[in-house]
């Protein structure tokens, strides 16, 4: 592959926000009643549970998310009627208040109507203006509460803060025939459930999805059960390691499940449209992609991995259930490598806020380019040379990777520039040390979040070399730094 085509292929693995994929740049081209909420214990301070976070106000998109709420566990009961495009939901959210306050606030689209809210089993007053759901209830710092929200409506995607031409909305998407898929970077989960829609707040999830048979609802984690009755299919899913809201997914449609297993023993599932053996054949390359990544990054950090193919041109590294478009490129092996890589860089350790999305995207791009060098005879150095040629214009148009234009989220500057940076660091400190630290970073931040200072300080300490200037030049500078010859 010529260098220009090599870059086009690599860039395509990053195209619908975060670590998404679009084939735009490829080379050549009825409602059931919700159950009663479960009883909850009185609110009291306890030891930090899995899913506990330290939420922050996002520096890039401060209007989304609230640092006063630490979501611990979302239990979502969703019923979808494709004939009316109506979603009925009940959310049971276990949360921790991070401060003393007279209210709780979550994000929820104004397209959805809230019927009732309770806090610890008692009815609570609320206001729902725009995307802000404000619940009037006094809370105390570090105490846990159970919030139950009943809501319904016709969910729609929300505008995306981007200057790109391949998409302009994120969140819940309904196809012409009523099928559903979701992709939501840097936000958009609030288009279909009440949520603290910011990456520093990671939580556990359980889903119960009711849809008309023969359709099926797919979500993150493991499928606990699937039952058909009265013309409806009910699936239950559990995601038992914490995820940021942008990594949560729902897909609803006519999908067939195929089971597989990686060489290391990770259970894998593929959810594809019936009769699309071409897509299934492509997904069956996932075990080899995972094996290549495990050899470099260590054991896969979750207990299952799935892929759901939807009516889209794009893809998203949604945690443990990767969402892919139904095109040849969106299901190509290089895209599989890119999206699986995010389970270490992006899912296992997640940026504190959207200013540091480069942490996830740059490493996934570098890993994809390295894989293509070894598996597709696409020379790594040629790819890096091409990225370097484009870097100056990217910085001028969109800003440096760690200080980009908020109105231009998802531009190539957060992908290829830090990808190039990682290759330069590899040359600077040597392959052995570089790959050891690439492997150690996610494991030392398991189920956590990190920011610019965390990762740059960590690399300096572990390498035994002050790399602060190196990172600042590459990630905050207005010009391309000098490369290692």
Protein backbone atom coordinates (compact mmCIF):
# COMPACT_ATOMS: atom_id res chain seq x y z
CA UNK A 1 0.00 0.00 0.00
CA UNK A 2 1.36 3.43 -0.90
CA UNK A 3 1.94 5.83 2.02
CA UNK A 4 -1.06 8.03 1.14
CA UNK A 5 -3.37 5.05 1.01
CA UNK A 6 -1.79 3.71 4.19
CA UNK A 7 -2.70 6.88 6.03
CA UNK A 8 -6.21 6.91 4.63
CA UNK A 9 -6.73 3.39 5.94
CA UNK A 10 -5.35 4.28 9.35
CA UNK A 11 -7.40 7.44 9.61
CA UNK A 12 -10.56 5.59 8.68
CA UNK A 13 -10.26 3.59 11.88
CA UNK A 14 -10.84 6.76 13.84
CA UNK A 15 -13.76 8.35 12.20
CA UNK A 16 -16.94 8.60 14.28
CA UNK A 17 -15.56 10.33 17.30
CA UNK A 18 -13.38 8.56 19.78
CA UNK A 19 -12.12 5.42 18.16
CA UNK A 20 -14.74 5.14 15.56
CA UNK A 21 -14.59 3.96 12.03
CA UNK A 22 -16.10 5.27 8.82
CA UNK A 23 -15.66 3.93 5.32
CA UNK A 24 -15.77 7.49 4.02
CA UNK A 25 -11.95 7.64 3.91
CA UNK A 26 -11.12 4.05 3.13
CA UNK A 27 -8.86 3.50 0.10
CA UNK A 28 -11.15 3.72 -2.96
CA UNK A 29 -13.74 4.99 -1.51
CA UNK A 30 -45.63 -2.58 22.12
CA UNK A 31 -44.73 -1.14 25.57
CA UNK A 32 -44.81 -3.18 28.76
CA UNK A 33 -45.10 -1.82 32.28
CA UNK A 34 -41.84 -1.42 34.14
CA UNK A 35 -41.37 -3.50 37.30
CA UNK A 36 -41.48 -2.02 40.77
CA UNK A 37 -38.17 -0.70 42.06
CA UNK A 38 -36.19 -2.94 44.36
CA UNK A 39 -36.12 -1.86 48.00
CA UNK A 40 -32.96 -0.12 49.10
CA UNK A 41 -31.21 0.20 52.42
CA UNK A 42 -31.18 3.57 54.15
CA UNK A 43 -28.53 5.94 52.83
CA UNK A 44 -25.29 5.67 54.77
CA UNK A 45 -21.57 6.16 54.24
CA UNK A 46 -19.74 2.96 53.29
CA UNK A 47 -16.44 1.81 51.88
CA UNK A 48 -15.80 2.75 48.25
CA UNK A 49 -17.41 0.15 45.95
CA UNK A 50 -16.42 -0.89 42.46
CA UNK A 51 -17.73 1.86 40.23
CA UNK A 52 -16.85 4.66 42.64
CA UNK A 53 -15.22 7.60 40.85
CA UNK A 54 -13.99 11.13 41.41
CA UNK A 55 -16.13 13.08 38.91
CA UNK A 56 -14.93 16.42 37.58
CA UNK A 57 -16.39 19.24 35.53
CA UNK A 58 -15.27 18.69 31.96
CA UNK A 59 -12.81 21.36 30.76
CA UNK A 60 -13.94 20.98 27.14
CA UNK A 61 -17.70 20.42 27.52
CA UNK A 62 -18.63 21.71 31.00
CA UNK A 63 -22.32 21.90 30.14
CA UNK A 64 -22.54 18.07 30.22
CA UNK A 65 -22.17 16.08 33.42
CA UNK A 66 -22.24 17.16 37.08
CA UNK A 67 -19.33 16.56 39.47
CA UNK A 68 -21.77 16.46 42.38
CA UNK A 69 -22.92 12.98 41.34
CA UNK A 70 -20.85 9.79 41.39
CA UNK A 71 -22.92 7.13 39.62
CA UNK A 72 -22.17 3.67 40.96
CA UNK A 73 -24.63 1.34 39.23
CA UNK A 74 -27.23 1.91 36.53
CA UNK A 75 -30.04 -0.62 36.19
CA UNK A 76 -31.92 0.12 32.97
CA UNK A 77 -35.24 -1.46 32.04
CA UNK A 78 -35.98 -0.45 28.44
CA UNK A 79 -38.92 -1.31 26.18
CA UNK A 80 -38.78 -0.32 22.51
CA UNK A 81 -41.75 0.02 20.15
CA UNK A 82 -40.43 0.38 16.58
CA UNK A 83 -43.88 1.17 15.17
CA UNK A 84 -44.11 4.39 17.16
CA UNK A 85 -40.37 4.88 17.77
CA UNK A 86 -41.21 5.09 21.45
CA UNK A 87 -38.89 4.17 24.28
CA UNK A 88 -40.24 3.46 27.74
CA UNK A 89 -37.65 3.27 30.47
CA UNK A 90 -37.15 2.82 34.14
CA UNK A 91 -33.76 3.57 35.59
CA UNK A 92 -32.66 2.54 39.06
CA UNK A 93 -29.44 4.39 39.79
CA UNK A 94 -27.31 3.78 42.84
CA UNK A 95 -25.17 6.89 43.37
CA UNK A 96 -22.90 8.67 45.79
CA UNK A 97 -23.21 12.38 46.43
CA UNK A 98 -19.81 14.05 46.34
CA UNK A 99 -20.99 17.11 48.28
CA UNK A 100 -23.66 18.46 50.57
CA UNK A 101 -26.44 19.86 48.37
CA UNK A 102 -30.19 20.38 48.12
CA UNK A 103 -30.51 18.63 44.77
CA UNK A 104 -29.17 16.01 42.36
CA UNK A 105 -28.64 16.68 38.66
CA UNK A 106 -28.38 14.30 35.70
CA UNK A 107 -28.35 14.72 31.94
CA UNK A 108 -31.49 13.64 30.04
CA UNK A 109 -32.71 14.79 26.65
CA UNK A 110 -35.78 16.99 26.51
CA UNK A 111 -37.19 14.57 23.92
CA UNK A 112 -37.93 12.21 26.82
CA UNK A 113 -40.63 12.92 29.41
CA UNK A 114 -40.12 12.05 33.06
CA UNK A 115 -43.23 10.71 34.78
CA UNK A 116 -41.96 10.02 38.28
CA UNK A 117 -38.81 10.18 40.40
CA UNK A 118 -38.15 8.60 43.76
CA UNK A 119 -35.15 8.84 46.07
CA UNK A 120 -34.71 5.92 48.46
CA UNK A 121 -38.32 4.90 47.78
CA UNK A 122 -39.91 8.28 48.44
CA UNK A 123 -41.40 10.49 45.72
CA UNK A 124 -39.24 13.48 44.88
CA UNK A 125 -39.98 16.75 43.09
CA UNK A 126 -38.04 17.38 39.93
CA UNK A 127 -37.60 19.85 37.08
CA UNK A 128 -36.64 18.84 33.56
CA UNK A 129 -35.54 21.80 31.48
CA UNK A 130 -33.61 21.21 28.27
CA UNK A 131 -31.17 18.41 28.97
CA UNK A 132 -30.98 18.95 32.74
CA UNK A 133 -32.96 16.71 35.07
CA UNK A 134 -32.81 18.32 38.51
CA UNK A 135 -34.17 16.33 41.46
CA UNK A 136 -35.03 18.29 44.58
CA UNK A 137 -33.73 16.21 47.47
CA UNK A 138 -31.15 17.09 50.14
CA UNK A 139 -28.00 14.98 49.95
CA UNK A 140 -24.88 14.71 52.06
CA UNK A 141 -21.30 14.23 50.99
CA UNK A 142 -20.19 10.60 50.59
CA UNK A 143 -23.63 9.16 51.28
CA UNK A 144 -25.27 6.75 48.85
CA UNK A 145 -28.78 7.12 47.44
CA UNK A 146 -31.03 5.13 45.14
CA UNK A 147 -32.72 7.19 42.45
CA UNK A 148 -35.53 5.68 40.35
CA UNK A 149 -36.71 7.51 37.23
CA UNK A 150 -39.67 6.51 35.05
CA UNK A 151 -39.57 8.12 31.61
CA UNK A 152 -40.69 7.68 28.01
CA UNK A 153 -40.69 9.38 24.63
CA UNK A 154 -39.23 9.36 21.13
CA UNK A 155 -35.45 9.49 21.54
CA UNK A 156 -33.43 11.40 18.98
CA UNK A 157 -29.71 11.93 18.51
CA UNK A 158 -28.18 15.18 19.74
CA UNK A 159 -25.96 17.66 17.87
CA UNK A 160 -22.26 16.80 17.82
CA UNK A 161 -19.54 19.43 18.47
CA UNK A 162 -17.63 18.73 15.28
CA UNK A 163 -16.58 20.31 12.00
CA UNK A 164 -16.36 16.98 10.21
CA UNK A 165 -18.52 16.15 7.24
CA UNK A 166 -19.23 12.46 7.94
CA UNK A 167 -21.58 13.03 10.91
CA UNK A 168 -23.26 15.81 12.84
CA UNK A 169 -25.20 14.00 15.60
CA UNK A 170 -24.45 11.47 18.35
CA UNK A 171 -26.50 9.24 20.65
CA UNK A 172 -29.62 7.18 19.99
CA UNK A 173 -30.16 6.59 16.27
CA UNK A 174 -33.31 5.00 14.82
CA UNK A 175 -33.13 3.58 11.30
CA UNK A 176 -35.91 3.83 8.71
CA UNK A 177 -37.29 0.42 9.70
CA UNK A 178 -37.15 1.10 13.45
CA UNK A 179 -33.89 -0.62 14.32
CA UNK A 180 -31.60 1.15 16.79
CA UNK A 181 -27.93 1.77 17.43
CA UNK A 182 -26.03 4.19 19.67
CA UNK A 183 -22.61 5.86 19.43
CA UNK A 184 -21.90 8.74 21.77
CA UNK A 185 -18.57 10.53 21.88
CA UNK A 186 -17.99 12.95 23.48
CA UNK A 187 -21.51 12.69 24.88
CA UNK A 188 -25.00 11.62 23.82
CA UNK A 189 -25.87 8.82 26.25
CA UNK A 190 -28.34 11.32 27.71
CA UNK A 191 -30.39 10.94 24.52
CA UNK A 192 -31.76 7.65 25.92
CA UNK A 193 -31.28 7.45 29.70
CA UNK A 194 -30.68 9.76 32.69
CA UNK A 195 -26.91 9.81 33.13
CA UNK A 196 -23.91 11.70 34.41
CA UNK A 197 -22.58 11.92 30.85
CA UNK A 198 -18.90 12.62 31.47
CA UNK A 199 -15.94 10.20 31.24
CA UNK A 200 -14.61 10.64 34.79
CA UNK A 201 -17.76 9.02 36.21
CA UNK A 202 -17.49 5.28 35.51
CA UNK A 203 -20.22 2.93 36.73
CA UNK A 204 -21.53 -0.63 36.55
CA UNK A 205 -24.56 -1.48 34.39
CA UNK A 206 -27.42 -3.97 34.17
CA UNK A 207 -29.85 -3.94 31.25
CA UNK A 208 -33.27 -5.47 30.62
CA UNK A 209 -34.34 -4.85 27.02
CA UNK A 210 -37.79 -5.76 25.66
CA UNK A 211 -38.34 -5.67 21.89
CA UNK A 212 -40.71 -7.28 19.36
CA UNK A 213 -39.74 -10.82 18.30
CA UNK A 214 -37.73 -11.78 16.22
CA UNK A 215 -35.69 -8.69 17.02
CA UNK A 216 -33.29 -8.73 19.94
CA UNK A 217 -31.75 -6.09 22.21
CA UNK A 218 -27.96 -6.15 22.57
CA UNK A 219 -25.95 -4.25 25.20
CA UNK A 220 -22.60 -4.25 26.98
CA UNK A 221 -21.22 -7.15 28.96
CA UNK A 222 -22.48 -10.70 29.24
CA UNK A 223 -25.88 -11.94 28.11
CA UNK A 224 -27.46 -13.34 31.28
CA UNK A 225 -30.72 -14.53 29.74
CA UNK A 226 -32.89 -14.40 26.63
CA UNK A 227 -36.59 -15.25 26.66
CA UNK A 228 -39.42 -14.97 24.15
CA UNK A 229 -43.03 -14.62 25.22
CA UNK A 230 -46.16 -12.93 23.94
CA UNK A 231 -44.40 -11.83 20.78
CA UNK A 232 -41.56 -10.12 22.61
CA UNK A 233 -37.93 -10.92 23.23
CA UNK A 234 -36.45 -9.97 26.58
CA UNK A 235 -32.69 -9.94 27.08
CA UNK A 236 -30.76 -9.25 30.28
CA UNK A 237 -27.17 -8.04 30.22
CA UNK A 238 -24.60 -7.35 32.95
CA UNK A 239 -21.52 -5.17 32.67
CA UNK A 240 -19.67 -5.95 35.89
CA UNK A 241 -16.65 -3.68 35.43
CA UNK A 242 -17.16 0.08 35.43
CA UNK A 243 -17.57 1.99 32.16
CA UNK A 244 -17.82 5.64 31.20
CA UNK A 245 -21.15 6.55 29.63
CA UNK A 246 -19.67 7.10 26.18
CA UNK A 247 -18.66 3.42 26.15
CA UNK A 248 -22.21 2.15 26.77
CA UNK A 249 -24.19 0.78 23.84
CA UNK A 250 -27.63 -0.42 22.83
CA UNK A 251 -28.44 -2.09 19.52
CA UNK A 252 -31.91 -3.36 18.59
CA UNK A 253 -32.80 -5.25 15.44
CA UNK A 254 -32.87 -8.56 13.61
CA UNK A 255 -29.53 -9.95 14.78
CA UNK A 256 -28.09 -13.46 14.92
CA UNK A 257 -25.71 -14.50 17.71
CA UNK A 258 -22.58 -16.52 16.88
CA UNK A 259 -20.26 -17.65 19.66
CA UNK A 260 -16.49 -17.88 19.53
CA UNK A 261 -13.51 -17.95 21.89
CA UNK A 262 -10.04 -16.46 21.76
CA UNK A 263 -6.88 -18.53 22.07
CA UNK A 264 -6.47 -17.13 25.58
CA UNK A 265 -9.98 -18.26 26.55
CA UNK A 266 -11.95 -15.00 26.30
CA UNK A 267 -15.61 -15.77 25.38
CA UNK A 268 -16.54 -13.86 22.21
CA UNK A 269 -19.85 -13.23 20.46
CA UNK A 270 -20.75 -11.77 17.08
CA UNK A 271 -24.18 -10.24 16.49
CA UNK A 272 -24.81 -9.87 12.76
CA UNK A 273 -27.79 -9.38 10.43
CA UNK A 274 -29.15 -12.69 9.10
CA UNK A 275 -27.71 -13.80 5.79
CA UNK A 276 -24.60 -11.61 6.09
CA UNK A 277 -21.99 -14.36 6.16
CA UNK A 278 -19.50 -11.90 4.67
CA UNK A 279 -19.65 -9.80 7.82
CA UNK A 280 -19.42 -12.83 10.07
CA UNK A 281 -16.36 -14.09 8.19
CA UNK A 282 -14.66 -10.75 8.78
CA UNK A 283 -15.46 -10.74 12.48
CA UNK A 284 -13.95 -14.20 12.86
CA UNK A 285 -10.55 -12.52 12.49
CA UNK A 286 -11.11 -10.92 15.91
CA UNK A 287 -9.42 -13.75 17.90
CA UNK A 288 -6.18 -13.29 15.95
CA UNK A 289 -6.39 -9.50 16.42
CA UNK A 290 -6.90 -10.00 20.14
CA UNK A 291 -3.97 -12.43 20.32
CA UNK A 292 -1.69 -9.87 18.65
CA UNK A 293 -2.73 -7.20 21.14
CA UNK A 294 -2.45 -9.48 24.17
CA UNK A 295 1.12 -10.30 23.17
CA UNK A 296 1.94 -6.59 23.49
CA UNK A 297 -0.49 -5.28 26.10
CA UNK A 298 -1.04 -8.26 28.37
CA UNK A 299 -4.15 -10.23 29.27
CA UNK A 300 -7.43 -8.84 27.95
CA UNK A 301 -8.73 -6.72 30.85
CA UNK A 302 -12.38 -7.86 30.72
CA UNK A 303 -14.13 -11.22 30.94
CA UNK A 304 -15.88 -11.16 27.55
CA UNK A 305 -15.73 -9.47 24.17
CA UNK A 306 -18.54 -8.97 21.67
CA UNK A 307 -19.22 -7.29 18.34
CA UNK A 308 -22.58 -6.02 17.11
CA UNK A 309 -22.97 -4.96 13.47
CA UNK A 310 -25.51 -2.23 12.77
CA UNK A 311 -26.82 -0.16 9.87
CA UNK A 312 -24.05 2.41 9.95
CA UNK A 313 -20.80 3.26 8.17
CA UNK A 314 -19.03 3.87 11.46
CA UNK A 315 -17.74 2.00 14.47
CA UNK A 316 -17.15 2.53 18.17
CA UNK A 317 -15.10 0.77 20.87
CA UNK A 318 -18.12 0.40 23.18
CA UNK A 319 -16.85 -1.56 26.18
CA UNK A 320 -16.93 -5.35 25.73
CA UNK A 321 -19.54 -5.00 22.94
CA UNK A 322 -17.92 -3.18 20.04
CA UNK A 323 -20.40 -1.48 17.71
CA UNK A 324 -19.49 -1.68 14.01
CA UNK A 325 -21.09 -0.52 10.79
CA UNK A 326 -22.15 -3.11 8.23
CA UNK A 327 -19.47 -2.26 5.65
CA UNK A 328 -16.39 -4.18 4.54
CA UNK A 329 -14.06 -1.55 5.91
CA UNK A 330 -15.82 -1.07 9.27
CA UNK A 331 -15.41 -4.83 9.86
CA UNK A 332 -11.86 -5.04 8.45
CA UNK A 333 -9.01 -6.53 10.51
CA UNK A 334 -7.27 -3.17 11.00
CA UNK A 335 -10.46 -1.73 12.46
CA UNK A 336 -10.86 -4.74 14.74
CA UNK A 337 -7.33 -4.18 16.03
CA UNK A 338 -8.00 -0.48 16.61
CA UNK A 339 -11.27 -0.95 18.49
CA UNK A 340 -10.07 -3.89 20.59
CA UNK A 341 -6.94 -1.89 21.53
CA UNK A 342 -9.18 0.68 23.21
CA UNK A 343 -10.14 -1.87 25.82
CA UNK A 344 -6.74 -1.17 27.38
CA UNK A 345 -6.38 2.46 26.29
CA UNK A 346 -9.76 4.11 26.80
CA UNK A 347 -11.81 1.47 28.62
CA UNK A 348 -9.53 -0.04 31.28
CA UNK A 349 -8.01 3.39 31.87
CA UNK A 350 -10.18 6.28 30.70
CA UNK A 351 -9.34 9.98 30.28
CA UNK A 352 -10.55 12.14 33.18
CA UNK A 353 -12.15 14.52 30.69
CA UNK A 354 -12.25 15.16 26.95
CA UNK A 355 -9.14 17.33 26.89
CA UNK A 356 -7.08 14.14 27.09
CA UNK A 357 -8.85 12.00 24.51
CA UNK A 358 -5.43 11.86 22.76
CA UNK A 359 -4.39 9.32 25.43
CA UNK A 360 -6.79 6.77 23.99
CA UNK A 361 -6.77 7.67 20.32
CA UNK A 362 -3.06 8.15 19.82
CA UNK A 363 -2.13 4.76 21.23
CA UNK A 364 -4.87 2.96 19.32
CA UNK A 365 -3.65 4.59 16.09
CA UNK A 366 -0.03 3.68 16.85
CA UNK A 367 -0.98 0.07 17.62
CA UNK A 368 -3.02 -0.17 14.44
CA UNK A 369 -0.15 1.19 12.36
CA UNK A 370 2.25 -1.27 14.03
CA UNK A 371 -0.11 -4.15 13.29
CA UNK A 372 -0.44 -3.05 9.66
CA UNK A 373 3.33 -2.92 9.37
CA UNK A 374 3.59 -6.53 10.52
CA UNK A 375 0.42 -8.07 9.08
CA UNK A 376 -0.28 -6.07 5.91
CA UNK A 377 3.20 -5.13 4.73
CA UNK A 378 2.39 -1.46 5.24
CA UNK A 379 5.72 0.01 6.40
CA UNK A 380 5.43 1.77 9.74
CA UNK A 381 7.99 4.41 8.82
CA UNK A 382 6.10 5.35 5.67
CA UNK A 383 2.90 5.76 7.67
CA UNK A 384 4.71 7.91 10.23
CA UNK A 385 6.28 10.04 7.50
CA UNK A 386 2.88 10.73 6.04
CA UNK A 387 1.40 11.60 9.41
CA UNK A 388 4.30 14.01 9.94
CA UNK A 389 3.59 15.67 6.59
CA UNK A 390 0.03 16.39 7.68
CA UNK A 391 0.81 17.43 11.23
CA UNK A 392 1.51 21.13 10.72
CA UNK A 393 -1.77 21.74 8.96
CA UNK A 394 -3.68 19.77 11.59
CA UNK A 395 -2.22 21.91 14.38
CA UNK A 396 -3.04 25.13 12.51
CA UNK A 397 -6.60 24.05 11.71
CA UNK A 398 -7.65 22.26 14.90
CA UNK A 399 -5.03 22.98 17.56
CA UNK A 400 -2.55 20.65 19.27
CA UNK A 401 -3.83 17.25 20.48
CA UNK A 402 -4.15 18.21 24.15
CA UNK A 403 -5.59 21.67 23.52
CA UNK A 404 -7.83 21.24 20.50
CA UNK A 405 -10.73 23.37 19.29
CA UNK A 406 -13.84 22.22 21.26
CA UNK A 407 -15.98 22.83 18.17
CA UNK A 408 -13.81 20.38 16.19
CA UNK A 409 -13.99 17.25 18.30
CA UNK A 410 -12.79 14.13 16.49
CA UNK A 411 -10.42 15.83 14.03
CA UNK A 412 -7.33 13.90 12.99
CA UNK A 413 -5.07 15.92 15.32
CA UNK A 414 -6.12 13.77 18.30
CA UNK A 415 -5.32 10.56 16.40
CA UNK A 416 -2.30 10.76 14.14
CA UNK A 417 -0.26 13.39 15.99
CA UNK A 418 -0.11 11.46 19.28
CA UNK A 419 0.27 8.25 17.25
CA UNK A 420 3.37 9.76 15.68
CA UNK A 421 4.51 10.94 19.12
CA UNK A 422 4.41 7.41 20.52
CA UNK A 423 6.57 6.17 17.66
CA UNK A 424 9.08 8.95 18.32
CA UNK A 425 9.16 8.00 22.00
CA UNK A 426 9.75 4.36 21.03
CA UNK A 427 12.83 5.43 19.05
CA UNK A 428 14.03 7.67 21.89
CA UNK A 429 13.92 5.18 24.77
CA UNK A 430 14.25 1.92 22.84
CA UNK A 431 11.85 -0.86 21.96
CA UNK A 432 12.29 -2.98 25.07
CA UNK A 433 11.57 -0.23 27.58
CA UNK A 434 8.87 1.36 25.43
CA UNK A 435 6.83 -1.80 25.01
CA UNK A 436 7.23 -2.72 28.68
CA UNK A 437 5.76 0.63 29.71
CA UNK A 438 3.00 0.47 27.08
CA UNK A 439 1.98 -2.81 28.70
CA UNK A 440 2.28 -1.59 32.30
CA UNK A 441 0.34 1.69 32.06
CA UNK A 442 -3.22 0.30 31.73
CA UNK A 443 -2.65 -2.44 34.31
CA UNK A 444 -1.49 0.09 36.91
CA UNK A 445 -4.66 2.15 36.36
CA UNK A 446 -7.20 -0.68 36.15
CA UNK A 447 -10.82 0.54 36.14
CA UNK A 448 -9.62 4.09 36.67
CA UNK A 449 -9.16 7.46 35.00
CA UNK A 450 -6.07 9.49 34.22
CA UNK A 451 -5.16 12.91 32.87
CA UNK A 452 -2.23 14.65 31.17
CA UNK A 453 -0.19 15.06 34.33
CA UNK A 454 -0.80 11.46 35.40
CA UNK A 455 0.43 9.83 32.23
CA UNK A 456 3.30 12.19 31.42
CA UNK A 457 4.67 12.03 34.97
CA UNK A 458 4.30 8.27 35.03
CA UNK A 459 6.27 7.84 31.80
CA UNK A 460 9.03 10.09 33.09
CA UNK A 461 9.29 8.21 36.37
CA UNK A 462 9.18 4.74 34.82
CA UNK A 463 11.60 5.56 32.00
CA UNK A 464 14.07 7.30 34.31
CA UNK A 465 14.12 10.31 32.00
CA UNK A 466 12.41 13.68 32.29
CA UNK A 467 9.97 13.54 29.37
CA UNK A 468 7.88 16.56 30.34
CA UNK A 469 9.33 18.73 27.58
CA UNK A 470 8.92 15.95 25.03
CA UNK A 471 5.22 15.54 25.83
CA UNK A 472 4.58 19.28 26.01
CA UNK A 473 6.17 19.83 22.59
CA UNK A 474 4.18 17.09 20.93
CA UNK A 475 0.84 17.56 22.67
CA UNK A 476 0.67 21.29 23.39
CA UNK A 477 2.98 22.85 20.80
CA UNK A 478 1.86 24.84 17.79
CA UNK A 479 4.46 23.30 15.47
CA UNK A 480 5.65 19.76 14.76
CA UNK A 481 8.64 18.86 16.94
CA UNK A 482 11.86 17.64 15.38
CA UNK A 483 11.75 13.91 14.80
CA UNK A 484 14.37 11.30 15.64
CA UNK A 485 16.32 10.58 12.47
